[in-house]
Amino acid sequence: MRHPYDGAVTVASPYAERLARIPVIEREAMLRGARTRWWEYGPADAERTIVAVHGYRGDHHGLEPVVAQLPDVRVIMPDLPGFGGSGAFDASGVDGGRHTVAAYADWLVAFVDAVIEPDASVTVLGHSFGSIVVSAALERGLHADRVILVNPIAAPALAGPKGVLSRLTLGYYRVAAALPQRAGDALLGSPVIVRFMSVAMAKTKDRELRRWIHAEHDRYFSDYASTRSVVEGFEASIGDHVHAHVDAFAVPTLLIGAAEDQITTQRDLRALHEAIDGARLVVIDGVGHLIHYEKPVEAAAAIRAFLAEAAE
């Protein structure tokens, strides 16, 4: 397991005080060829349970600011196989241990079945790459009564103007994979590249909040199991999108998009909204692809309203 570079600076989270009030339990199990670690937040007897799936190169920490705003909801958050505290897929997994969308989808179905009782109600949430994993898992029979997608990947990453950048980034990952492990890790975890990515995605004008966001990326963006898992994971993230799975959406769905998202355009977001029968759409202003860091209060408010509909 790689760890953040030695120069990473710890910055106090603006959401730490609220999060500290919420009880949390850490668990671990082998699921579909991956040693899976997860965290369960909130009261075990809560009326509402959410299983939350983070995005590419992140881990469960990224969604904690949203969890901090939902103290009365039980939230179960695993680290995706190959990232954070979870191990990479081994050869017993789908696709022979490769980190593909199919493998992640199969793993998510197994994970939800393992942590949720068969007759219990559960909402499944996916952020960014997690939105693709959730969508693909629905095709495989994912146990979900409601679905929430935050910063959903609504269209192919290799299509349109952003396709050029996606191909360049893919080349960067493949170069890293071809290098000796130490050199490849150094390239993938380069503080300069990590900071460039963080600066490009953060939209907030709050200097302290930006400083914390950069520190979070420094700490967690390079915490992955192997060069193989991070490169295969990127290939999976740009090789699929939510719109390809719209026919699998048969439960109430909430899309939480961002007005300044540089990965999913407003046009693609609204096309996805129209394609999912009965879906609700909330667009948050003044934020890009980091809703979970910059606008967790607004995201939680949309989630809470959506969950309340189930009780009506």
C-alpha atoms as a PDB file:
ATOM      1  CA  MET A   1       0.000   0.000   0.000  1.00  0.00           C
ATOM      2  CA  ARG A   2       1.423   3.360  -0.995  1.00  0.00           C
ATOM      3  CA  HIS A   3       1.249   6.316   1.313  1.00  0.00           C
ATOM      4  CA  PRO A   4       1.136  10.095   0.761  1.00  0.00           C
ATOM      5  CA  TYR A   5       4.387  11.801   0.030  1.00  0.00           C
ATOM      6  CA  ASP A   6       6.427  12.908   3.038  1.00  0.00           C
ATOM      7  CA  GLY A   7       5.794  16.591   2.420  1.00  0.00           C
ATOM      8  CA  ALA A   8       2.032  16.320   2.904  1.00  0.00           C
ATOM      9  CA  VAL A   9       0.727  18.982   5.270  1.00  0.00           C
ATOM     10  CA  THR A  10      -2.091  18.276   7.713  1.00  0.00           C
ATOM     11  CA  VAL A  11      -4.765  20.995   7.690  1.00  0.00           C
ATOM     12  CA  ALA A  12      -7.709  20.950  10.086  1.00  0.00           C
ATOM     13  CA  SER A  13     -10.955  19.951   8.390  1.00  0.00           C
ATOM     14  CA  PRO A  14     -13.744  22.555   8.544  1.00  0.00           C
ATOM     15  CA  TYR A  15     -16.108  19.613   9.056  1.00  0.00           C
ATOM     16  CA  ALA A  16     -14.115  17.812  11.750  1.00  0.00           C
ATOM     17  CA  GLU A  17     -16.155  18.974  14.741  1.00  0.00           C
ATOM     18  CA  ARG A  18     -19.462  17.734  13.321  1.00  0.00           C
ATOM     19  CA  LEU A  19     -17.923  14.482  12.115  1.00  0.00           C
ATOM     20  CA  ALA A  20     -16.374  13.785  15.515  1.00  0.00           C
ATOM     21  CA  ARG A  21     -19.860  13.636  17.070  1.00  0.00           C
ATOM     22  CA  ILE A  22     -20.871  10.729  14.850  1.00  0.00           C
ATOM     23  CA  PRO A  23     -20.001   7.202  16.029  1.00  0.00           C
ATOM     24  CA  VAL A  24     -18.007   5.125  13.548  1.00  0.00           C
ATOM     25  CA  ILE A  25     -17.023   1.445  13.360  1.00  0.00           C
ATOM     26  CA  GLU A  26     -14.363   0.033  11.041  1.00  0.00           C
ATOM     27  CA  ARG A  27     -14.796  -3.440   9.527  1.00  0.00           C
ATOM     28  CA  GLU A  28     -13.048  -5.694   7.007  1.00  0.00           C
ATOM     29  CA  ALA A  29     -13.873  -8.791   4.932  1.00  0.00           C
ATOM     30  CA  MET A  30     -12.857 -10.598   1.741  1.00  0.00           C
ATOM     31  CA  LEU A  31     -15.334  -9.896  -1.032  1.00  0.00           C
ATOM     32  CA  ARG A  32     -15.099 -10.956  -4.678  1.00  0.00           C
ATOM     33  CA  GLY A  33     -11.343 -11.308  -4.622  1.00  0.00           C
ATOM     34  CA  ALA A  34     -10.556  -8.141  -2.683  1.00  0.00           C
ATOM     35  CA  ARG A  35      -9.770  -7.521   0.965  1.00  0.00           C
ATOM     36  CA  THR A  36     -12.382  -4.847   1.601  1.00  0.00           C
ATOM     37  CA  ARG A  37     -12.300  -2.331   4.421  1.00  0.00           C
ATOM     38  CA  TRP A  38     -15.309  -0.177   5.265  1.00  0.00           C
ATOM     39  CA  TRP A  39     -16.605   2.263   7.851  1.00  0.00           C
ATOM     40  CA  GLU A  40     -20.086   2.468   9.345  1.00  0.00           C
ATOM     41  CA  TYR A  41     -21.144   5.917  10.563  1.00  0.00           C
ATOM     42  CA  GLY A  42     -24.130   6.955  12.608  1.00  0.00           C
ATOM     43  CA  PRO A  43     -26.706   5.057  14.675  1.00  0.00           C
ATOM     44  CA  ALA A  44     -27.065   1.367  13.841  1.00  0.00           C
ATOM     45  CA  ASP A  45     -30.840   1.663  14.264  1.00  0.00           C
ATOM     46  CA  ALA A  46     -31.233   4.716  12.013  1.00  0.00           C
ATOM     47  CA  GLU A  47     -34.371   4.892   9.868  1.00  0.00           C
ATOM     48  CA  ARG A  48     -32.285   5.516   6.746  1.00  0.00           C
ATOM     49  CA  THR A  49     -29.151   3.716   5.526  1.00  0.00           C
ATOM     50  CA  ILE A  50     -26.865   4.864   2.719  1.00  0.00           C
ATOM     51  CA  VAL A  51     -24.080   2.830   1.140  1.00  0.00           C
ATOM     52  CA  ALA A  52     -21.698   5.397  -0.369  1.00  0.00           C
ATOM     53  CA  VAL A  53     -19.109   4.715  -3.092  1.00  0.00           C
ATOM     54  CA  HIS A  54     -16.261   7.200  -3.547  1.00  0.00           C
ATOM     55  CA  GLY A  55     -14.553   8.290  -6.761  1.00  0.00           C
ATOM     56  CA  TYR A  56     -11.345   7.365  -8.559  1.00  0.00           C
ATOM     57  CA  ARG A  57      -8.080   7.672  -6.585  1.00  0.00           C
ATOM     58  CA  GLY A  58      -9.994   8.729  -3.504  1.00  0.00           C
ATOM     59  CA  ASP A  59     -11.120   6.741  -0.494  1.00  0.00           C
ATOM     60  CA  HIS A  60     -13.875   6.984   2.101  1.00  0.00           C
ATOM     61  CA  HIS A  61     -12.395  10.162   3.612  1.00  0.00           C
ATOM     62  CA  GLY A  62     -13.574  12.188   0.627  1.00  0.00           C
ATOM     63  CA  LEU A  63     -17.268  11.754   1.418  1.00  0.00           C
ATOM     64  CA  GLU A  64     -16.913  12.349   5.161  1.00  0.00           C
ATOM     65  CA  PRO A  65     -17.847  16.064   4.868  1.00  0.00           C
ATOM     66  CA  VAL A  66     -21.264  14.956   3.572  1.00  0.00           C
ATOM     67  CA  VAL A  67     -21.569  12.320   6.298  1.00  0.00           C
ATOM     68  CA  ALA A  68     -20.884  15.046   8.864  1.00  0.00           C
ATOM     69  CA  GLN A  69     -24.115  16.773   7.785  1.00  0.00           C
ATOM     70  CA  LEU A  70     -26.217  13.594   8.195  1.00  0.00           C
ATOM     71  CA  PRO A  71     -25.741  12.561  11.845  1.00  0.00           C
ATOM     72  CA  ASP A  72     -29.054  10.695  12.040  1.00  0.00           C
ATOM     73  CA  VAL A  73     -28.411   8.588   8.933  1.00  0.00           C
ATOM     74  CA  ARG A  74     -26.472   5.320   8.938  1.00  0.00           C
ATOM     75  CA  VAL A  75     -23.797   5.642   6.248  1.00  0.00           C
ATOM     76  CA  ILE A  76     -21.662   2.668   5.209  1.00  0.00           C
ATOM     77  CA  MET A  77     -18.587   3.595   3.169  1.00  0.00           C
ATOM     78  CA  PRO A  78     -16.084   1.101   1.751  1.00  0.00           C
ATOM     79  CA  ASP A  79     -12.766   1.901   0.138  1.00  0.00           C
ATOM     80  CA  LEU A  80     -12.895   0.692  -3.455  1.00  0.00           C
ATOM     81  CA  PRO A  81     -10.658  -2.334  -4.094  1.00  0.00           C
ATOM     82  CA  GLY A  82      -7.160  -1.129  -4.897  1.00  0.00           C
ATOM     83  CA  PHE A  83      -7.522   2.173  -3.028  1.00  0.00           C
ATOM     84  CA  GLY A  84      -7.275   3.408   0.548  1.00  0.00           C
ATOM     85  CA  GLY A  85      -7.478   0.580   3.053  1.00  0.00           C
ATOM     86  CA  SER A  86      -8.784  -2.045   0.614  1.00  0.00           C
ATOM     87  CA  GLY A  87      -6.560  -4.462  -1.255  1.00  0.00           C
ATOM     88  CA  ALA A  88      -6.406  -4.939  -5.004  1.00  0.00           C
ATOM     89  CA  PHE A  89      -8.508  -7.570  -6.763  1.00  0.00           C
ATOM     90  CA  ASP A  90      -6.850 -10.965  -6.924  1.00  0.00           C
ATOM     91  CA  ALA A  91      -7.225 -13.540  -9.696  1.00  0.00           C
ATOM     92  CA  SER A  92     -10.469 -14.916  -8.207  1.00  0.00           C
ATOM     93  CA  GLY A  93     -12.327 -11.706  -9.016  1.00  0.00           C
ATOM     94  CA  VAL A  94     -14.302 -10.940 -12.159  1.00  0.00           C
ATOM     95  CA  ASP A  95     -12.054 -10.363 -15.209  1.00  0.00           C
ATOM     96  CA  GLY A  96      -9.198 -12.300 -13.628  1.00  0.00           C
ATOM     97  CA  GLY A  97      -8.365  -9.684 -11.037  1.00  0.00           C
ATOM     98  CA  ARG A  98      -8.305  -6.679 -13.362  1.00  0.00           C
ATOM     99  CA  HIS A  99      -9.804  -3.462 -12.026  1.00  0.00           C
ATOM    100  CA  THR A 100     -12.602  -3.113 -14.557  1.00  0.00           C
ATOM    101  CA  VAL A 101     -16.062  -1.610 -14.247  1.00  0.00           C
ATOM    102  CA  ALA A 102     -17.506  -5.128 -14.353  1.00  0.00           C
ATOM    103  CA  ALA A 103     -15.266  -6.222 -11.483  1.00  0.00           C
ATOM    104  CA  TYR A 104     -16.181  -3.191  -9.385  1.00  0.00           C
ATOM    105  CA  ALA A 105     -19.883  -3.622 -10.147  1.00  0.00           C
ATOM    106  CA  ASP A 106     -19.821  -7.301  -9.188  1.00  0.00           C
ATOM    107  CA  TRP A 107     -17.927  -6.393  -5.998  1.00  0.00           C
ATOM    108  CA  LEU A 108     -20.470  -3.674  -5.082  1.00  0.00           C
ATOM    109  CA  VAL A 109     -23.396  -6.086  -5.464  1.00  0.00           C
ATOM    110  CA  ALA A 110     -21.602  -8.505  -3.131  1.00  0.00           C
ATOM    111  CA  PHE A 111     -20.715  -5.747  -0.685  1.00  0.00           C
ATOM    112  CA  VAL A 112     -24.280  -4.466  -0.348  1.00  0.00           C
ATOM    113  CA  ASP A 113     -25.572  -8.020   0.039  1.00  0.00           C
ATOM    114  CA  ALA A 114     -23.000  -8.555   2.807  1.00  0.00           C
ATOM    115  CA  VAL A 115     -23.777  -5.434   4.859  1.00  0.00           C
ATOM    116  CA  ILE A 116     -27.528  -4.979   4.261  1.00  0.00           C
ATOM    117  CA  GLU A 117     -30.246  -7.411   5.300  1.00  0.00           C
ATOM    118  CA  PRO A 118     -32.185  -8.811   2.294  1.00  0.00           C
ATOM    119  CA  ASP A 119     -35.464  -7.134   3.265  1.00  0.00           C
ATOM    120  CA  ALA A 120     -33.931  -3.858   4.503  1.00  0.00           C
ATOM    121  CA  SER A 121     -34.277  -0.564   2.682  1.00  0.00           C
ATOM    122  CA  VAL A 122     -31.048   1.007   1.441  1.00  0.00           C
ATOM    123  CA  THR A 123     -30.042   3.990  -0.657  1.00  0.00           C
ATOM    124  CA  VAL A 124     -26.867   3.583  -2.709  1.00  0.00           C
ATOM    125  CA  LEU A 125     -24.821   6.697  -3.482  1.00  0.00           C
ATOM    126  CA  GLY A 126     -21.983   7.030  -5.964  1.00  0.00           C
ATOM    127  CA  HIS A 127     -19.662   9.992  -6.457  1.00  0.00           C
ATOM    128  CA  SER A 128     -17.835  10.550  -9.776  1.00  0.00           C
ATOM    129  CA  PHE A 129     -16.342   7.158 -10.774  1.00  0.00           C
ATOM    130  CA  GLY A 130     -18.544   5.720  -8.043  1.00  0.00           C
ATOM    131  CA  SER A 131     -21.552   6.821 -10.115  1.00  0.00           C
ATOM    132  CA  ILE A 132     -20.383   4.520 -12.928  1.00  0.00           C
ATOM    133  CA  VAL A 133     -19.829   1.624 -10.522  1.00  0.00           C
ATOM    134  CA  VAL A 134     -23.309   2.046  -9.017  1.00  0.00           C
ATOM    135  CA  SER A 135     -24.935   2.274 -12.455  1.00  0.00           C
ATOM    136  CA  ALA A 136     -23.185  -0.852 -13.723  1.00  0.00           C
ATOM    137  CA  ALA A 137     -24.066  -2.669 -10.492  1.00  0.00           C
ATOM    138  CA  LEU A 138     -27.757  -1.931 -11.029  1.00  0.00           C
ATOM    139  CA  GLU A 139     -27.545  -4.052 -14.186  1.00  0.00           C
ATOM    140  CA  ARG A 140     -26.186  -6.881 -12.040  1.00  0.00           C
ATOM    141  CA  GLY A 141     -29.054  -6.808  -9.552  1.00  0.00           C
ATOM    142  CA  LEU A 142     -27.753  -4.332  -6.975  1.00  0.00           C
ATOM    143  CA  HIS A 143     -29.968  -4.217  -3.885  1.00  0.00           C
ATOM    144  CA  ALA A 144     -31.028  -0.545  -3.828  1.00  0.00           C
ATOM    145  CA  ASP A 145     -34.370   1.080  -3.104  1.00  0.00           C
ATOM    146  CA  ARG A 146     -33.104   4.532  -4.080  1.00  0.00           C
ATOM    147  CA  VAL A 147     -30.023   5.800  -5.904  1.00  0.00           C
ATOM    148  CA  ILE A 148     -28.093   9.061  -5.541  1.00  0.00           C
ATOM    149  CA  LEU A 149     -25.379  10.089  -7.990  1.00  0.00           C
ATOM    150  CA  VAL A 150     -23.139  13.028  -7.053  1.00  0.00           C
ATOM    151  CA  ASN A 151     -21.049  14.618  -9.817  1.00  0.00           C
ATOM    152  CA  PRO A 152     -22.166  11.765 -12.110  1.00  0.00           C
ATOM    153  CA  ILE A 153     -20.015  10.881 -15.108  1.00  0.00           C
ATOM    154  CA  ALA A 154     -22.787  11.459 -17.618  1.00  0.00           C
ATOM    155  CA  ALA A 155     -20.986  11.031 -20.949  1.00  0.00           C
ATOM    156  CA  PRO A 156     -17.945   9.285 -22.474  1.00  0.00           C
ATOM    157  CA  ALA A 157     -14.663  10.791 -21.275  1.00  0.00           C
ATOM    158  CA  LEU A 158     -12.994  10.183 -24.629  1.00  0.00           C
ATOM    159  CA  ALA A 159     -15.641  12.045 -26.641  1.00  0.00           C
ATOM    160  CA  GLY A 160     -15.787  15.767 -27.359  1.00  0.00           C
ATOM    161  CA  PRO A 161     -13.248  18.455 -26.399  1.00  0.00           C
ATOM    162  CA  LYS A 162     -12.356  16.781 -23.077  1.00  0.00           C
ATOM    163  CA  GLY A 163     -11.343  13.640 -24.981  1.00  0.00           C
ATOM    164  CA  VAL A 164      -7.943  15.112 -25.799  1.00  0.00           C
ATOM    165  CA  LEU A 165      -7.143  15.672 -22.126  1.00  0.00           C
ATOM    166  CA  SER A 166      -8.434  12.200 -21.247  1.00  0.00           C
ATOM    167  CA  ARG A 167      -6.133  10.611 -23.816  1.00  0.00           C
ATOM    168  CA  LEU A 168      -3.161  12.617 -22.585  1.00  0.00           C
ATOM    169  CA  THR A 169      -3.910  11.538 -19.031  1.00  0.00           C
ATOM    170  CA  LEU A 170      -4.252   7.922 -20.151  1.00  0.00           C
ATOM    171  CA  GLY A 171      -0.815   8.206 -21.748  1.00  0.00           C
ATOM    172  CA  TYR A 172       0.571   9.511 -18.456  1.00  0.00           C
ATOM    173  CA  TYR A 173      -0.802   6.500 -16.586  1.00  0.00           C
ATOM    174  CA  ARG A 174       0.479   4.037 -19.165  1.00  0.00           C
ATOM    175  CA  VAL A 175       3.961   5.570 -19.047  1.00  0.00           C
ATOM    176  CA  ALA A 176       3.910   5.160 -15.255  1.00  0.00           C
ATOM    177  CA  ALA A 177       2.847   1.538 -15.652  1.00  0.00           C
ATOM    178  CA  ALA A 178       5.737   0.854 -18.032  1.00  0.00           C
ATOM    179  CA  LEU A 179       8.367   2.240 -15.647  1.00  0.00           C
ATOM    180  CA  PRO A 180      10.024   0.272 -12.838  1.00  0.00           C
ATOM    181  CA  GLN A 181       7.738   0.310  -9.807  1.00  0.00           C
ATOM    182  CA  ARG A 182       9.634   2.922  -7.805  1.00  0.00           C
ATOM    183  CA  ALA A 183       9.847   5.298 -10.767  1.00  0.00           C
ATOM    184  CA  GLY A 184       6.215   4.649 -11.701  1.00  0.00           C
ATOM    185  CA  ASP A 185       5.041   5.387  -8.177  1.00  0.00           C
ATOM    186  CA  ALA A 186       7.110   8.558  -8.114  1.00  0.00           C
ATOM    187  CA  LEU A 187       5.466   9.753 -11.314  1.00  0.00           C
ATOM    188  CA  LEU A 188       1.930   8.831 -10.231  1.00  0.00           C
ATOM    189  CA  GLY A 189       2.379  10.411  -6.797  1.00  0.00           C
ATOM    190  CA  SER A 190       4.277  13.493  -7.946  1.00  0.00           C
ATOM    191  CA  PRO A 191       3.321  16.365  -5.602  1.00  0.00           C
ATOM    192  CA  VAL A 192       3.400  18.742  -8.568  1.00  0.00           C
ATOM    193  CA  ILE A 193       0.921  16.682 -10.588  1.00  0.00           C
ATOM    194  CA  VAL A 194      -1.339  16.064  -7.593  1.00  0.00           C
ATOM    195  CA  ARG A 195      -1.403  19.778  -6.801  1.00  0.00           C
ATOM    196  CA  PHE A 196      -2.083  20.695 -10.445  1.00  0.00           C
ATOM    197  CA  MET A 197      -5.099  18.388 -10.420  1.00  0.00           C
ATOM    198  CA  SER A 198      -6.331  19.780  -7.102  1.00  0.00           C
ATOM    199  CA  VAL A 199      -5.994  23.402  -8.201  1.00  0.00           C
ATOM    200  CA  ALA A 200      -7.786  22.670 -11.474  1.00  0.00           C
ATOM    201  CA  MET A 201     -10.806  21.097  -9.765  1.00  0.00           C
ATOM    202  CA  ALA A 202     -11.258  23.406  -6.753  1.00  0.00           C
ATOM    203  CA  LYS A 203     -13.590  26.327  -7.448  1.00  0.00           C
ATOM    204  CA  THR A 204     -14.028  27.861  -4.006  1.00  0.00           C
ATOM    205  CA  LYS A 205     -12.639  31.360  -3.349  1.00  0.00           C
ATOM    206  CA  ASP A 206     -12.218  30.553   0.353  1.00  0.00           C
ATOM    207  CA  ARG A 207      -8.440  30.348   0.837  1.00  0.00           C
ATOM    208  CA  GLU A 208      -8.611  28.169   3.949  1.00  0.00           C
ATOM    209  CA  LEU A 209     -11.022  25.754   2.314  1.00  0.00           C
ATOM    210  CA  ARG A 210      -8.780  25.515  -0.758  1.00  0.00           C
ATOM    211  CA  ARG A 211      -5.778  24.877   1.481  1.00  0.00           C
ATOM    212  CA  TRP A 212      -7.618  22.039   3.187  1.00  0.00           C
ATOM    213  CA  ILE A 213      -8.738  20.540  -0.145  1.00  0.00           C
ATOM    214  CA  HIS A 214      -5.163  20.519  -1.411  1.00  0.00           C
ATOM    215  CA  ALA A 215      -4.005  18.898   1.832  1.00  0.00           C
ATOM    216  CA  GLU A 216      -6.659  16.195   1.492  1.00  0.00           C
ATOM    217  CA  HIS A 217      -5.511  15.376  -2.026  1.00  0.00           C
ATOM    218  CA  ASP A 218      -1.899  15.317  -0.838  1.00  0.00           C
ATOM    219  CA  ARG A 219      -2.822  12.850   1.908  1.00  0.00           C
ATOM    220  CA  TYR A 220      -5.143  10.473   0.069  1.00  0.00           C
ATOM    221  CA  PHE A 221      -4.803  10.810  -3.712  1.00  0.00           C
ATOM    222  CA  SER A 222      -1.757   8.540  -3.820  1.00  0.00           C
ATOM    223  CA  ASP A 223      -2.940   5.893  -1.360  1.00  0.00           C
ATOM    224  CA  TYR A 224      -3.461   2.903  -3.628  1.00  0.00           C
ATOM    225  CA  ALA A 225      -2.578  -0.777  -3.568  1.00  0.00           C
ATOM    226  CA  SER A 226      -0.376  -1.000  -6.657  1.00  0.00           C
ATOM    227  CA  THR A 227       0.551   0.720  -9.882  1.00  0.00           C
ATOM    228  CA  ARG A 228      -1.576  -1.876 -11.642  1.00  0.00           C
ATOM    229  CA  SER A 229      -4.692  -1.043  -9.658  1.00  0.00           C
ATOM    230  CA  VAL A 230      -4.384   2.704 -10.199  1.00  0.00           C
ATOM    231  CA  VAL A 231      -3.720   2.416 -13.949  1.00  0.00           C
ATOM    232  CA  GLU A 232      -6.461  -0.160 -14.520  1.00  0.00           C
ATOM    233  CA  GLY A 233      -8.798   1.925 -12.393  1.00  0.00           C
ATOM    234  CA  PHE A 234      -8.202   4.968 -14.577  1.00  0.00           C
ATOM    235  CA  GLU A 235      -8.826   2.955 -17.733  1.00  0.00           C
ATOM    236  CA  ALA A 236     -12.105   1.800 -16.197  1.00  0.00           C
ATOM    237  CA  SER A 237     -13.079   5.350 -15.217  1.00  0.00           C
ATOM    238  CA  ILE A 238     -12.718   6.732 -18.751  1.00  0.00           C
ATOM    239  CA  GLY A 239     -14.044   3.665 -20.527  1.00  0.00           C
ATOM    240  CA  ASP A 240     -17.620   3.852 -19.257  1.00  0.00           C
ATOM    241  CA  HIS A 241     -20.269   6.356 -18.186  1.00  0.00           C
ATOM    242  CA  VAL A 242     -23.659   6.449 -16.472  1.00  0.00           C
ATOM    243  CA  HIS A 243     -25.672   7.140 -19.636  1.00  0.00           C
ATOM    244  CA  ALA A 244     -24.646   3.709 -20.947  1.00  0.00           C
ATOM    245  CA  HIS A 245     -26.601   2.105 -18.096  1.00  0.00           C
ATOM    246  CA  VAL A 246     -29.787   4.214 -17.973  1.00  0.00           C
ATOM    247  CA  ASP A 247     -32.039   1.241 -18.744  1.00  0.00           C
ATOM    248  CA  ALA A 248     -31.035  -0.307 -15.405  1.00  0.00           C
ATOM    249  CA  PHE A 249     -32.513   2.564 -13.361  1.00  0.00           C
ATOM    250  CA  ALA A 250     -35.822   1.270 -12.026  1.00  0.00           C
ATOM    251  CA  VAL A 251     -35.826   2.970  -8.605  1.00  0.00           C
ATOM    252  CA  PRO A 252     -36.165   6.631  -7.544  1.00  0.00           C
ATOM    253  CA  THR A 253     -32.976   8.451  -8.481  1.00  0.00           C
ATOM    254  CA  LEU A 254     -31.430  11.761  -7.464  1.00  0.00           C
ATOM    255  CA  LEU A 255     -28.725  13.437  -9.542  1.00  0.00           C
ATOM    256  CA  ILE A 256     -26.655  16.088  -7.760  1.00  0.00           C
ATOM    257  CA  GLY A 257     -24.683  18.027 -10.328  1.00  0.00           C
ATOM    258  CA  ALA A 258     -22.443  21.089 -10.261  1.00  0.00           C
ATOM    259  CA  ALA A 259     -22.816  24.234 -12.348  1.00  0.00           C
ATOM    260  CA  GLU A 260     -19.053  24.433 -12.950  1.00  0.00           C
ATOM    261  CA  ASP A 261     -18.210  20.737 -13.281  1.00  0.00           C
ATOM    262  CA  GLN A 262     -15.379  20.482 -15.794  1.00  0.00           C
ATOM    263  CA  ILE A 263     -15.858  16.720 -16.238  1.00  0.00           C
ATOM    264  CA  THR A 264     -19.632  16.549 -16.793  1.00  0.00           C
ATOM    265  CA  THR A 265     -21.061  19.461 -18.768  1.00  0.00           C
ATOM    266  CA  GLN A 266     -24.504  20.891 -18.040  1.00  0.00           C
ATOM    267  CA  ARG A 267     -25.665  19.610 -21.421  1.00  0.00           C
ATOM    268  CA  ASP A 268     -24.586  16.050 -20.625  1.00  0.00           C
ATOM    269  CA  LEU A 269     -25.997  16.259 -17.105  1.00  0.00           C
ATOM    270  CA  ARG A 270     -29.417  17.360 -18.332  1.00  0.00           C
ATOM    271  CA  ALA A 271     -29.414  14.715 -21.059  1.00  0.00           C
ATOM    272  CA  LEU A 272     -28.771  12.093 -18.369  1.00  0.00           C
ATOM    273  CA  HIS A 273     -31.571  13.536 -16.257  1.00  0.00           C
ATOM    274  CA  GLU A 274     -33.999  13.233 -19.145  1.00  0.00           C
ATOM    275  CA  ALA A 275     -32.874   9.681 -19.914  1.00  0.00           C
ATOM    276  CA  ILE A 276     -33.515   8.300 -16.409  1.00  0.00           C
ATOM    277  CA  ASP A 277     -37.244   7.943 -15.972  1.00  0.00           C
ATOM    278  CA  GLY A 278     -38.532  10.010 -13.046  1.00  0.00           C
ATOM    279  CA  ALA A 279     -35.082  11.149 -11.902  1.00  0.00           C
ATOM    280  CA  ARG A 280     -34.728  14.318  -9.838  1.00  0.00           C
ATOM    281  CA  LEU A 281     -31.954  16.795 -10.602  1.00  0.00           C
ATOM    282  CA  VAL A 282     -30.347  19.285  -8.224  1.00  0.00           C
ATOM    283  CA  VAL A 283     -27.642  21.567  -9.628  1.00  0.00           C
ATOM    284  CA  ILE A 284     -25.427  23.326  -7.087  1.00  0.00           C
ATOM    285  CA  ASP A 285     -23.942  26.668  -8.102  1.00  0.00           C
ATOM    286  CA  GLY A 286     -20.396  27.836  -7.448  1.00  0.00           C
ATOM    287  CA  VAL A 287     -18.764  24.415  -7.439  1.00  0.00           C
ATOM    288  CA  GLY A 288     -17.192  21.970  -9.876  1.00  0.00           C
ATOM    289  CA  HIS A 289     -16.305  18.300  -9.465  1.00  0.00           C
ATOM    290  CA  LEU A 290     -15.669  18.597  -5.720  1.00  0.00           C
ATOM    291  CA  ILE A 291     -19.203  18.948  -4.365  1.00  0.00           C
ATOM    292  CA  HIS A 292     -18.293  16.628  -1.486  1.00  0.00           C
ATOM    293  CA  TYR A 293     -15.496  18.979  -0.354  1.00  0.00           C
ATOM    294  CA  GLU A 294     -16.862  22.417  -1.212  1.00  0.00           C
ATOM    295  CA  LYS A 295     -20.646  22.105  -0.885  1.00  0.00           C
ATOM    296  CA  PRO A 296     -21.389  19.194   1.478  1.00  0.00           C
ATOM    297  CA  VAL A 297     -24.084  21.167   3.307  1.00  0.00           C
ATOM    298  CA  GLU A 298     -26.012  21.746   0.097  1.00  0.00           C
ATOM    299  CA  ALA A 299     -25.486  18.164  -1.037  1.00  0.00           C
ATOM    300  CA  ALA A 300     -26.702  16.824   2.312  1.00  0.00           C
ATOM    301  CA  ALA A 301     -29.796  19.036   2.144  1.00  0.00           C
ATOM    302  CA  ALA A 302     -30.666  17.573  -1.261  1.00  0.00           C
ATOM    303  CA  ILE A 303     -30.037  14.045   0.038  1.00  0.00           C
ATOM    304  CA  ARG A 304     -32.158  14.621   3.136  1.00  0.00           C
ATOM    305  CA  ALA A 305     -35.076  15.949   1.054  1.00  0.00           C
ATOM    306  CA  PHE A 306     -34.814  12.967  -1.284  1.00  0.00           C
ATOM    307  CA  LEU A 307     -34.792  10.482   1.603  1.00  0.00           C
ATOM    308  CA  ALA A 308     -37.776  12.238   3.188  1.00  0.00           C
ATOM    309  CA  GLU A 309     -39.838  11.471   0.083  1.00  0.00           C
ATOM    310  CA  ALA A 310     -39.588   7.778   0.908  1.00  0.00           C
ATOM    311  CA  ALA A 311     -41.389   8.381   4.193  1.00  0.00           C
ATOM    312  CA  GLU A 312     -44.313  10.246   2.625  1.00  0.00           C
END
